[in-house]
Amino acid sequence: MITGLIGLLVVLLLVLLYPAIRNAQAEAATPGKLQAQENLRLYKERVADVEAMDISEDDRKAMMLELDRELLAAADKAAGFHTGPGKAARFAFTSFLILLSLAATYSLYMSWGAGNEVRATQLLEYSATSELSETEYKELEKRLDSAGARDPENLEWAFLRGRLLEAEARFAEAAEAYENLLTKLPDEQVQDRAAIMTSMVQARFFSTGQQATDELYNTLKEALALAPGQRKPLGLAGIMAYELGNYQQAIEHWKALWIQLPEGSMEARTIANGIGRAAEVLEEQGTRVDLSWMVPARVEVTVALSDDVRQQVPVNATVFVLARKLDGPPMPLAVQRLVVSQLPTTVVLDNSMAMAAGASIGDVDEVTITARVSLSGQPMAQAGDWQGQVFNVPTRGSEAIQVTISEQVSGE
């Protein structure tokens, strides 16, 4: 689109400049009557060009007036009068046409090209920091519809329109927009499908006055199967299960969410309250519920160096304190970084130090604690590093443990 418009502009400029150049050459070569005849011929050509242009009547009249003035000035020149105004008029006319071409090109770009998307993006960015007026909301919705219709392969515009409808509390329309989007989204885009399925369920839930249904709950479970551990579907699935009377399932969903949240955060407290209410109902029904896992997962570790190691490692060497799953992958569930000069010291490993979502010390009952002096500065053990380890450390309710760095790594 942009390349085509630029090409059109170049052609227009050549069309507009060529008569002016040719006129100047003719003016220099044909004096007197020949000059007048040439001027009249050029005048007729340019009148025809103006009449063929797709412009407003006012612009056409203005351009015809300029042509008339130029013809008169040329006639004066041919008769031996002052020639300055004729050249100035031609220059002004050519400049006017060039500016008109530029304006037309820009207008076409804004109408046919990215102008609509640019404005929609501006409104979306503005809405992130300030509340849109009713007029701006309507404009944004119209532009998102237009962008989606013009480029139906770009599904992002359809998703943004759904988000906008949700923000306006038009939940039924938002749910329909998300549902239509799902029919176009490729199956292999599992993360996107899970997110849109969750948004669709949320919109349906609110559109029916927060009435849970088995259909909505099953859709959320499908979303979690596509993208396990995602916070939003876990929270909604817990709500759906609770409203449907599936209290144990609600606890399981909320547990998977709760262990990902920062300890003591408002969201963690809210989820904990929901888990407590579900557990109370189950206890009243005669089902015992074990909530010992809700004790915050944390391991307090005192790290020290043996006297022999202290004499062999630089004071600025890096020290890593790691918690790993027993017989699990090498990626730590929690990590703390120190330097030798800080030892001995005590650190606390908890969920906030997780390196990836869904992989924290709150996910397991026991861990292996490793404290290592890394001479390379890298967390992976290398030959020549020094370390100490303690195995089978409980992640909840355990007292502080002592780890002494005293063994040299021979290689892993």
Protein backbone atom coordinates (compact mmCIF):
# COMPACT_ATOMS: atom_id res chain seq x y z
CA MET A 1 0.00 0.00 0.00
CA ILE A 2 2.66 2.54 1.01
CA THR A 3 4.87 1.62 -1.97
CA GLY A 4 1.94 2.10 -4.33
CA LEU A 5 1.14 5.52 -2.92
CA ILE A 6 4.77 6.62 -3.19
CA GLY A 7 4.81 5.46 -6.81
CA LEU A 8 1.62 7.43 -7.47
CA LEU A 9 3.19 10.52 -5.93
CA VAL A 10 6.29 10.23 -8.15
CA VAL A 11 4.14 9.93 -11.26
CA LEU A 12 2.09 12.96 -10.24
CA LEU A 13 5.20 15.02 -9.63
CA LEU A 14 6.57 14.11 -13.05
CA VAL A 15 3.27 15.00 -14.71
CA LEU A 16 3.18 18.34 -12.92
CA LEU A 17 6.82 19.31 -13.36
CA TYR A 18 7.18 18.24 -16.99
CA PRO A 19 4.81 20.91 -18.44
CA ALA A 20 6.56 23.59 -16.41
CA ILE A 21 9.97 22.51 -17.69
CA ARG A 22 8.74 22.22 -21.24
CA ASN A 23 7.11 25.64 -21.00
CA ALA A 24 10.36 27.18 -19.85
CA GLN A 25 12.21 25.62 -22.78
CA ALA A 26 9.60 26.76 -25.28
CA GLU A 27 9.63 30.25 -23.83
CA ALA A 28 13.37 30.50 -24.37
CA ALA A 29 13.22 29.20 -27.99
CA THR A 30 10.13 30.94 -29.54
CA PRO A 31 9.90 34.73 -29.23
CA GLY A 32 6.94 36.97 -30.10
CA LYS A 33 3.92 35.37 -31.77
CA LEU A 34 5.45 31.92 -31.66
CA GLN A 35 5.76 32.31 -27.90
CA ALA A 36 2.13 33.37 -27.64
CA GLN A 37 0.99 30.39 -29.70
CA GLU A 38 3.06 28.05 -27.56
CA ASN A 39 1.64 29.61 -24.40
CA LEU A 40 -1.92 29.12 -25.67
CA ARG A 41 -1.22 25.48 -26.55
CA LEU A 42 0.22 24.80 -23.12
CA TYR A 43 -2.70 26.60 -21.52
CA LYS A 44 -5.19 24.35 -23.28
CA GLU A 45 -3.25 21.23 -22.28
CA ARG A 46 -3.17 22.24 -18.65
CA VAL A 47 -6.86 23.20 -18.68
CA ALA A 48 -7.61 19.71 -19.92
CA ASP A 49 -5.40 18.24 -17.18
CA VAL A 50 -7.22 20.23 -14.49
CA GLU A 51 -10.63 19.24 -15.84
CA ALA A 52 -9.58 15.58 -15.72
CA MET A 53 -8.50 15.79 -12.08
CA ASP A 54 -10.70 14.22 -9.40
CA ILE A 55 -10.86 17.28 -7.13
CA SER A 56 -13.54 19.49 -5.62
CA GLU A 57 -15.20 22.19 -7.67
CA ASP A 58 -13.67 24.91 -5.48
CA ASP A 59 -10.18 23.55 -6.04
CA ARG A 60 -10.88 23.29 -9.77
CA LYS A 61 -12.00 26.94 -9.93
CA ALA A 62 -8.92 28.05 -8.01
CA MET A 63 -6.62 26.16 -10.34
CA MET A 64 -8.42 27.51 -13.45
CA LEU A 65 -8.01 31.01 -12.08
CA GLU A 66 -4.30 30.42 -11.70
CA LEU A 67 -4.12 29.16 -15.30
CA ASP A 68 -5.94 32.25 -16.57
CA ARG A 69 -3.60 34.55 -14.69
CA GLU A 70 -0.61 32.68 -16.02
CA LEU A 71 -1.87 32.97 -19.61
CA LEU A 72 -2.32 36.72 -19.22
CA ALA A 73 1.14 37.08 -17.75
CA ALA A 74 2.57 35.06 -20.63
CA ALA A 75 0.77 37.29 -23.13
CA ASP A 76 2.30 40.36 -21.47
CA LYS A 77 5.71 38.81 -21.76
CA ALA A 78 5.21 38.00 -25.44
CA ALA A 79 4.28 41.65 -26.06
CA GLY A 80 7.46 42.84 -24.38
CA PHE A 81 6.07 43.67 -20.95
CA HIS A 82 7.57 42.73 -17.54
CA THR A 83 7.87 38.91 -17.30
CA GLY A 84 8.33 38.41 -13.56
CA PRO A 85 4.69 37.80 -12.59
CA GLY A 86 4.27 35.08 -15.24
CA LYS A 87 7.16 33.01 -13.93
CA ALA A 88 6.05 33.58 -10.36
CA ALA A 89 2.54 32.44 -11.21
CA ARG A 90 3.82 29.28 -12.88
CA PHE A 91 6.01 28.53 -9.90
CA ALA A 92 3.13 29.12 -7.52
CA PHE A 93 0.83 26.93 -9.60
CA THR A 94 3.33 24.09 -9.79
CA SER A 95 4.02 24.37 -6.05
CA PHE A 96 0.29 24.32 -5.36
CA LEU A 97 -0.16 21.14 -7.40
CA ILE A 98 2.78 19.48 -5.68
CA LEU A 99 1.35 20.31 -2.25
CA LEU A 100 -2.06 19.12 -3.38
CA SER A 101 -0.51 15.83 -4.50
CA LEU A 102 1.24 15.40 -1.17
CA ALA A 103 -1.98 16.10 0.72
CA ALA A 104 -3.92 13.67 -1.47
CA THR A 105 -1.28 10.98 -0.96
CA TYR A 106 -1.37 11.42 2.80
CA SER A 107 -5.18 11.36 2.76
CA LEU A 108 -5.22 8.12 0.79
CA TYR A 109 -2.70 6.57 3.14
CA MET A 110 -4.78 7.50 6.16
CA SER A 111 -7.96 6.22 4.52
CA TRP A 112 -6.67 3.05 2.87
CA GLY A 113 -3.47 2.36 4.75
CA ALA A 114 -2.53 2.25 8.45
CA GLY A 115 -4.23 5.48 9.46
CA ASN A 116 -7.15 3.68 11.08
CA GLU A 117 -4.85 1.31 12.98
CA VAL A 118 -2.61 4.17 14.08
CA ARG A 119 -5.56 6.03 15.58
CA ALA A 120 -6.88 2.85 17.23
CA THR A 121 -3.46 2.23 18.77
CA GLN A 122 -3.32 5.80 20.05
CA LEU A 123 -6.70 5.41 21.74
CA LEU A 124 -5.70 2.07 23.27
CA GLU A 125 -2.49 3.54 24.67
CA TYR A 126 -4.42 6.51 26.05
CA SER A 127 -6.98 4.20 27.69
CA ALA A 128 -4.16 2.48 29.58
CA THR A 129 -3.42 5.69 31.52
CA SER A 130 -6.69 7.65 31.39
CA GLU A 131 -10.39 6.95 31.10
CA LEU A 132 -11.79 7.35 27.62
CA SER A 133 -14.82 9.54 27.07
CA GLU A 134 -18.00 8.06 25.64
CA THR A 135 -17.16 9.59 22.26
CA GLU A 136 -13.65 8.11 22.34
CA TYR A 137 -15.01 4.69 23.29
CA LYS A 138 -17.38 4.74 20.35
CA GLU A 139 -14.60 5.89 18.03
CA LEU A 140 -12.28 3.14 19.27
CA GLU A 141 -14.93 0.47 18.81
CA LYS A 142 -15.67 1.70 15.29
CA ARG A 143 -11.98 1.75 14.39
CA LEU A 144 -11.40 -1.75 15.80
CA ASP A 145 -14.34 -3.02 13.75
CA SER A 146 -12.93 -1.34 10.67
CA ALA A 147 -9.43 -2.70 11.27
CA GLY A 148 -10.78 -6.20 11.74
CA ALA A 149 -12.90 -5.98 8.58
CA ARG A 150 -10.00 -4.62 6.51
CA ASP A 151 -7.51 -7.21 7.75
CA PRO A 152 -9.46 -10.27 8.94
CA GLU A 153 -6.26 -12.32 9.16
CA ASN A 154 -4.99 -10.06 11.95
CA LEU A 155 -6.88 -11.57 14.88
CA GLU A 156 -5.36 -9.15 17.37
CA TRP A 157 -7.90 -6.49 16.41
CA ALA A 158 -10.78 -8.88 17.12
CA PHE A 159 -9.29 -9.71 20.52
CA LEU A 160 -8.88 -6.04 21.38
CA ARG A 161 -12.48 -5.40 20.41
CA GLY A 162 -13.56 -8.14 22.83
CA ARG A 163 -11.49 -6.53 25.57
CA LEU A 164 -13.10 -3.17 24.84
CA LEU A 165 -16.60 -4.65 25.04
CA GLU A 166 -15.70 -6.21 28.40
CA ALA A 167 -14.45 -2.87 29.68
CA GLU A 168 -17.82 -1.36 28.71
CA ALA A 169 -19.62 -4.16 30.61
CA ARG A 170 -21.13 -5.44 27.34
CA PHE A 171 -20.35 -8.98 28.38
CA ALA A 172 -22.68 -10.88 26.04
CA GLU A 173 -21.21 -9.11 23.00
CA ALA A 174 -17.69 -9.66 24.33
CA ALA A 175 -18.34 -13.38 24.78
CA GLU A 176 -19.63 -13.62 21.23
CA ALA A 177 -16.57 -11.77 19.93
CA TYR A 178 -14.26 -14.19 21.74
CA GLU A 179 -16.24 -17.19 20.51
CA ASN A 180 -15.98 -15.99 16.91
CA LEU A 181 -12.28 -15.44 17.40
CA LEU A 182 -11.81 -19.03 18.58
CA THR A 183 -13.27 -20.34 15.33
CA LYS A 184 -10.53 -18.53 13.38
CA LEU A 185 -7.59 -19.21 15.69
CA PRO A 186 -5.29 -22.07 14.60
CA ASP A 187 -5.33 -25.10 16.90
CA GLU A 188 -1.56 -25.01 17.28
CA GLN A 189 -1.69 -21.65 19.06
CA VAL A 190 -2.52 -23.37 22.33
CA GLN A 191 -1.51 -20.54 24.66
CA ASP A 192 -3.63 -18.03 22.77
CA ARG A 193 -6.57 -20.43 22.59
CA ALA A 194 -6.40 -21.01 26.34
CA ALA A 195 -6.35 -17.26 27.05
CA ILE A 196 -9.29 -16.54 24.73
CA MET A 197 -11.30 -19.46 26.09
CA THR A 198 -10.79 -18.07 29.58
CA SER A 199 -11.85 -14.58 28.51
CA MET A 200 -14.93 -16.03 26.80
CA VAL A 201 -15.94 -17.92 29.95
CA GLN A 202 -15.45 -14.84 32.09
CA ALA A 203 -17.61 -12.73 29.78
CA ARG A 204 -20.33 -15.41 29.69
CA PHE A 205 -20.22 -15.71 33.47
CA PHE A 206 -20.79 -11.99 33.98
CA SER A 207 -23.37 -11.73 31.20
CA THR A 208 -25.60 -14.24 33.05
CA GLY A 209 -25.34 -12.53 36.43
CA GLN A 210 -22.46 -14.76 37.57
CA GLN A 211 -24.31 -18.02 37.10
CA ALA A 212 -21.93 -20.97 36.90
CA THR A 213 -22.67 -23.82 34.51
CA ASP A 214 -21.08 -27.16 33.77
CA GLU A 215 -20.42 -25.97 30.21
CA LEU A 216 -18.41 -22.97 31.39
CA TYR A 217 -16.52 -25.06 33.95
CA ASN A 218 -15.63 -27.69 31.34
CA THR A 219 -14.37 -24.97 29.00
CA LEU A 220 -12.06 -23.71 31.74
CA LYS A 221 -10.74 -27.22 32.32
CA GLU A 222 -10.01 -27.44 28.59
CA ALA A 223 -8.11 -24.14 28.82
CA LEU A 224 -6.08 -25.47 31.76
CA ALA A 225 -5.31 -28.63 29.83
CA LEU A 226 -3.91 -26.48 27.01
CA ALA A 227 -1.94 -24.17 29.32
CA PRO A 228 -1.53 -25.64 32.81
CA GLY A 229 -0.78 -23.39 35.74
CA GLN A 230 -2.20 -20.16 34.27
CA ARG A 231 -3.49 -17.92 37.03
CA LYS A 232 -6.66 -16.52 35.47
CA PRO A 233 -8.24 -19.85 34.46
CA LEU A 234 -7.22 -21.38 37.79
CA GLY A 235 -9.01 -18.64 39.71
CA LEU A 236 -12.12 -18.82 37.55
CA ALA A 237 -12.17 -22.62 37.65
CA GLY A 238 -12.10 -22.46 41.45
CA ILE A 239 -15.07 -20.08 41.43
CA MET A 240 -17.02 -22.26 38.99
CA ALA A 241 -16.32 -25.43 40.97
CA TYR A 242 -17.34 -23.76 44.22
CA GLU A 243 -20.59 -22.38 42.77
CA LEU A 244 -21.41 -25.81 41.34
CA GLY A 245 -20.80 -27.46 44.72
CA ASN A 246 -17.56 -29.16 43.73
CA TYR A 247 -15.69 -27.94 46.79
CA GLN A 248 -12.75 -30.34 46.63
CA GLN A 249 -12.10 -29.38 43.00
CA ALA A 250 -12.35 -25.72 43.96
CA ILE A 251 -9.67 -26.26 46.61
CA GLU A 252 -7.42 -28.02 44.08
CA HIS A 253 -7.74 -25.19 41.55
CA TRP A 254 -7.16 -22.50 44.16
CA LYS A 255 -4.23 -24.41 45.65
CA ALA A 256 -2.47 -24.45 42.29
CA LEU A 257 -3.01 -20.69 42.11
CA TRP A 258 -2.21 -19.87 45.74
CA ILE A 259 1.24 -21.46 45.73
CA GLN A 260 2.22 -19.18 42.82
CA LEU A 261 1.28 -15.96 44.59
CA PRO A 262 3.61 -13.75 46.65
CA GLU A 263 3.32 -14.60 50.31
CA GLY A 264 1.05 -12.18 52.17
CA SER A 265 -0.25 -10.47 49.04
CA MET A 266 -3.90 -9.38 48.89
CA GLU A 267 -4.65 -11.88 46.13
CA ALA A 268 -3.07 -14.69 48.18
CA ARG A 269 -5.20 -13.76 51.18
CA THR A 270 -8.35 -13.68 49.02
CA ILE A 271 -7.64 -17.13 47.60
CA ALA A 272 -6.82 -18.45 51.07
CA ASN A 273 -10.21 -17.24 52.31
CA GLY A 274 -11.95 -19.07 49.46
CA ILE A 275 -10.03 -22.26 50.25
CA GLY A 276 -11.01 -21.91 53.90
CA ARG A 277 -14.72 -21.53 53.06
CA ALA A 278 -14.64 -24.58 50.77
CA ALA A 279 -12.85 -26.60 53.47
CA GLU A 280 -15.45 -25.59 56.07
CA VAL A 281 -18.28 -26.82 53.86
CA LEU A 282 -16.50 -30.14 53.32
CA GLU A 283 -15.85 -30.50 57.07
CA GLU A 284 -19.55 -29.90 57.73
CA GLN A 285 -20.32 -32.66 55.24
CA GLY A 286 -18.04 -35.01 57.14
CA THR A 287 -14.99 -34.84 54.82
CA ARG A 288 -11.68 -34.12 56.52
CA VAL A 289 -9.53 -31.59 54.64
CA ASP A 290 -5.76 -31.35 55.07
CA LEU A 291 -4.65 -27.74 54.67
CA SER A 292 -1.18 -28.14 56.13
CA TRP A 293 0.21 -27.15 52.74
CA MET A 294 -1.12 -23.64 53.36
CA VAL A 295 1.64 -23.06 55.90
CA PRO A 296 3.92 -20.73 53.92
CA ALA A 297 6.73 -22.61 52.21
CA ARG A 298 10.06 -21.26 53.44
CA VAL A 299 13.46 -22.65 54.37
CA GLU A 300 15.79 -20.69 56.63
CA VAL A 301 19.43 -21.47 55.84
CA THR A 302 22.56 -20.39 57.70
CA VAL A 303 25.53 -20.55 55.31
CA ALA A 304 29.14 -20.68 56.46
CA LEU A 305 32.59 -21.57 55.08
CA SER A 306 34.96 -24.08 56.58
CA ASP A 307 38.26 -22.57 57.69
CA ASP A 308 40.13 -24.45 54.98
CA VAL A 309 37.85 -23.17 52.18
CA ARG A 310 37.93 -19.58 53.44
CA GLN A 311 41.67 -19.51 52.88
CA GLN A 312 41.33 -20.74 49.28
CA VAL A 313 38.53 -18.64 47.77
CA PRO A 314 38.49 -14.90 46.91
CA VAL A 315 36.42 -12.69 49.18
CA ASN A 316 34.50 -11.38 46.16
CA ALA A 317 33.64 -14.82 44.76
CA THR A 318 29.94 -15.51 44.11
CA VAL A 319 27.98 -17.77 46.46
CA PHE A 320 24.70 -19.40 45.37
CA VAL A 321 22.21 -20.83 47.85
CA LEU A 322 19.86 -23.15 45.98
CA ALA A 323 16.80 -25.27 46.73
CA ARG A 324 16.17 -28.13 44.30
CA LYS A 325 13.51 -30.81 44.03
CA LEU A 326 14.68 -34.22 45.22
CA ASP A 327 15.66 -36.30 42.18
CA GLY A 328 14.23 -33.55 39.98
CA PRO A 329 15.49 -31.34 37.17
CA PRO A 330 18.58 -29.17 37.71
CA MET A 331 16.62 -25.89 37.64
CA PRO A 332 16.41 -24.52 41.20
CA LEU A 333 13.03 -23.95 42.85
CA ALA A 334 14.51 -21.01 44.74
CA VAL A 335 17.87 -19.25 44.62
CA GLN A 336 19.68 -16.59 46.59
CA ARG A 337 22.95 -14.93 45.50
CA LEU A 338 25.65 -13.75 47.90
CA VAL A 339 29.42 -13.14 47.97
CA VAL A 340 32.05 -14.83 50.15
CA SER A 341 32.64 -11.68 52.22
CA GLN A 342 29.05 -11.88 53.51
CA LEU A 343 29.52 -15.31 55.10
CA PRO A 344 28.49 -16.52 57.57
CA THR A 345 24.91 -15.31 57.08
CA THR A 346 21.32 -16.54 57.19
CA VAL A 347 18.98 -16.41 54.19
CA VAL A 348 15.36 -17.42 53.64
CA LEU A 349 14.30 -19.30 50.51
CA ASP A 350 10.60 -19.01 49.62
CA ASN A 351 8.18 -18.89 46.69
CA SER A 352 9.16 -15.33 45.76
CA MET A 353 12.55 -16.63 44.60
CA ALA A 354 11.15 -19.06 42.04
CA MET A 355 12.80 -18.93 38.63
CA ALA A 356 9.70 -20.03 36.70
CA ALA A 357 5.94 -20.06 37.23
CA GLY A 358 4.71 -23.36 38.62
CA ALA A 359 8.17 -24.33 39.89
CA SER A 360 8.62 -23.07 43.45
CA ILE A 361 9.44 -24.68 46.79
CA GLY A 362 5.74 -24.48 47.64
CA ASP A 363 5.12 -27.18 45.03
CA VAL A 364 7.06 -29.85 46.94
CA ASP A 365 7.29 -31.19 50.49
CA GLU A 366 11.07 -31.60 50.65
CA VAL A 367 14.09 -30.11 48.89
CA THR A 368 17.84 -30.41 48.69
CA ILE A 369 19.66 -27.27 49.86
CA THR A 370 23.00 -26.49 48.24
CA ALA A 371 25.36 -23.62 49.07
CA ARG A 372 28.14 -23.25 46.50
CA VAL A 373 31.08 -20.90 45.95
CA SER A 374 31.13 -20.43 42.19
CA LEU A 375 34.56 -19.38 40.96
CA SER A 376 33.10 -18.80 37.47
CA GLY A 377 30.14 -16.75 38.73
CA GLN A 378 27.70 -19.24 37.16
CA PRO A 379 25.05 -21.16 39.15
CA MET A 380 25.85 -24.50 37.50
CA ALA A 381 28.54 -26.41 39.38
CA GLN A 382 31.95 -26.61 37.73
CA ALA A 383 35.14 -28.39 38.67
CA GLY A 384 37.02 -26.38 41.27
CA ASP A 385 33.93 -24.88 42.94
CA TRP A 386 33.28 -25.48 46.64
CA GLN A 387 29.94 -26.48 48.11
CA GLY A 388 27.93 -27.97 50.96
CA GLN A 389 24.58 -29.77 50.82
CA VAL A 390 21.74 -30.87 53.10
CA PHE A 391 19.16 -33.36 51.81
CA ASN A 392 15.47 -33.99 52.57
CA VAL A 393 14.81 -30.56 54.03
CA PRO A 394 11.06 -29.95 54.72
CA THR A 395 9.71 -26.87 52.95
CA ARG A 396 7.22 -26.10 55.72
CA GLY A 397 7.52 -25.98 59.46
CA SER A 398 11.23 -26.80 59.59
CA GLU A 399 13.73 -25.08 61.84
CA ALA A 400 16.72 -23.21 60.43
CA ILE A 401 19.35 -25.49 58.93
CA GLN A 402 23.12 -25.09 58.79
CA VAL A 403 25.04 -25.58 55.53
CA THR A 404 28.84 -25.50 55.67
CA ILE A 405 30.76 -25.15 52.42
CA SER A 406 33.63 -27.59 52.75
CA GLU A 407 33.74 -29.94 49.73
CA GLN A 408 35.37 -29.22 46.38
CA VAL A 409 33.45 -30.06 43.22
CA SER A 410 35.27 -32.53 41.02
CA GLY A 411 32.86 -32.14 38.11
CA GLU A 412 29.19 -32.73 37.34
